[in-house]
Amino acid sequence: MLNWPKKRNWGWYATLMRTPWFCVKLLRFKPGGELSLQRHKHRTEIWWFIKGWGVREPQTFEWCAFPFQIWKIKPNTWHTFMAFSGEPVYALELQYGKKVTEDDIERK
């Protein structure tokens, strides 16, 4: 069940598979693209970086991301991401939990 990419300010994502409790997405961050600071109440996310470099905490440059690194983001954990300039960042995102929907998001 591949959906066409949905454009965002930071790049785009495509949903590869979705069930009520499980979702797999391909994320592409444009060079310098930054995800808003956000958290999810009902789901855990696992990000597997495929290509490119970036950081989870742009202000402090902590949690650097590089190819083959895996991040686990638990429910109610504030997170963001910024791709370094130069090349796009690609990651697979696995979402799972009690409720896996697009509206399970809170932004700051």
Protein backbone atom coordinates (compact mmCIF):
# COMPACT_ATOMS: atom_id res chain seq x y z
CA MET A 1 0.00 0.00 0.00
CA LEU A 2 2.38 2.72 -1.23
CA ASN A 3 0.98 6.24 -1.03
CA TRP A 4 2.35 9.11 -3.07
CA PRO A 5 4.76 11.29 -1.13
CA LYS A 6 3.23 14.00 1.03
CA LYS A 7 5.24 17.22 0.83
CA ARG A 8 6.25 19.05 3.98
CA ASN A 9 8.44 22.11 4.68
CA TRP A 10 11.29 19.78 5.67
CA GLY A 11 10.96 17.43 2.65
CA TRP A 12 8.44 14.60 2.15
CA TYR A 13 7.27 11.22 3.43
CA ALA A 14 5.61 8.24 1.77
CA THR A 15 3.56 5.67 3.67
CA LEU A 16 4.68 2.16 2.72
CA MET A 17 2.31 0.17 4.97
CA ARG A 18 -0.38 1.03 7.54
CA THR A 19 -2.58 -0.87 10.01
CA PRO A 20 -4.40 0.53 13.09
CA TRP A 21 -1.37 -0.31 15.31
CA PHE A 22 1.57 -0.24 12.86
CA CYS A 23 2.88 2.10 10.13
CA VAL A 24 6.04 2.21 8.00
CA LYS A 25 7.12 5.41 6.23
CA LEU A 26 10.02 6.51 4.06
CA LEU A 27 11.19 10.00 5.09
CA ARG A 28 13.25 12.33 2.91
CA PHE A 29 14.61 15.50 4.52
CA LYS A 30 15.88 18.15 2.11
CA PRO A 31 19.33 19.58 2.93
CA GLY A 32 18.84 21.88 5.94
CA GLY A 33 15.23 20.67 6.40
CA GLU A 34 14.02 20.74 10.01
CA LEU A 35 11.13 18.84 11.60
CA SER A 36 9.01 20.76 14.12
CA LEU A 37 9.46 20.00 17.82
CA GLN A 38 6.80 17.36 18.50
CA ARG A 39 5.68 14.38 20.55
CA HIS A 40 3.14 11.56 20.26
CA LYS A 41 0.99 10.24 23.10
CA HIS A 42 0.11 6.79 21.83
CA ARG A 43 2.96 5.56 19.67
CA THR A 44 6.62 4.66 19.67
CA GLU A 45 8.72 5.53 16.64
CA ILE A 46 11.85 3.81 15.42
CA TRP A 47 13.90 5.71 12.84
CA TRP A 48 16.49 3.83 10.78
CA PHE A 49 18.74 6.23 8.90
CA ILE A 50 19.67 5.09 5.40
CA LYS A 51 21.56 8.01 3.86
CA GLY A 52 22.77 11.46 4.91
CA TRP A 53 23.61 13.20 8.16
CA GLY A 54 21.65 15.27 10.68
CA VAL A 55 20.94 15.97 14.35
CA ARG A 56 18.04 15.38 16.71
CA GLU A 57 18.81 18.44 18.85
CA PRO A 58 19.79 21.24 16.42
CA GLN A 59 20.52 23.75 19.22
CA THR A 60 23.06 21.51 20.96
CA PHE A 61 24.06 19.20 18.09
CA GLU A 62 23.36 16.17 20.25
CA TRP A 63 22.06 12.87 18.88
CA CYS A 64 23.83 12.96 15.53
CA ALA A 65 22.25 10.79 12.85
CA PHE A 66 24.27 8.95 10.23
CA PRO A 67 23.65 5.98 7.92
CA PHE A 68 22.59 2.74 9.66
CA GLN A 69 21.99 4.43 13.00
CA ILE A 70 18.70 3.59 14.73
CA TRP A 71 16.74 5.86 17.08
CA LYS A 72 13.88 4.75 19.33
CA ILE A 73 11.52 7.58 20.30
CA LYS A 74 9.12 6.56 23.08
CA PRO A 75 5.63 8.05 23.60
CA ASN A 76 5.54 11.54 25.17
CA THR A 77 9.16 12.25 24.19
CA TRP A 78 9.71 15.65 22.60
CA HIS A 79 11.82 15.33 19.46
CA THR A 80 12.87 17.18 16.34
CA PHE A 81 15.35 16.57 13.54
CA MET A 82 17.46 18.73 11.24
CA ALA A 83 19.28 17.50 8.15
CA PHE A 84 22.72 18.93 7.57
CA SER A 85 23.07 20.95 4.40
CA GLY A 86 24.72 19.33 1.43
CA GLU A 87 22.65 16.22 0.77
CA PRO A 88 19.20 14.87 1.61
CA VAL A 89 18.65 12.52 4.54
CA TYR A 90 16.63 9.32 4.04
CA ALA A 91 15.20 7.28 6.91
CA LEU A 92 12.68 4.52 7.42
CA GLU A 93 10.22 5.26 10.21
CA LEU A 94 8.36 2.47 12.01
CA GLN A 95 5.44 3.63 14.17
CA TYR A 96 3.68 1.24 16.55
CA GLY A 97 1.44 1.44 19.60
CA LYS A 98 -2.14 1.58 20.89
CA LYS A 99 -3.13 4.22 18.34
CA VAL A 100 -1.16 4.93 15.17
CA THR A 101 -2.82 7.88 13.42
CA GLU A 102 -1.66 11.13 11.85
CA ASP A 103 -3.56 13.17 14.47
CA ASP A 104 -1.51 11.74 17.37
CA ILE A 105 0.84 14.71 17.36
CA GLU A 106 1.47 17.70 19.56
CA ARG A 107 3.75 20.49 18.34
CA LYS A 108 5.56 23.27 20.21
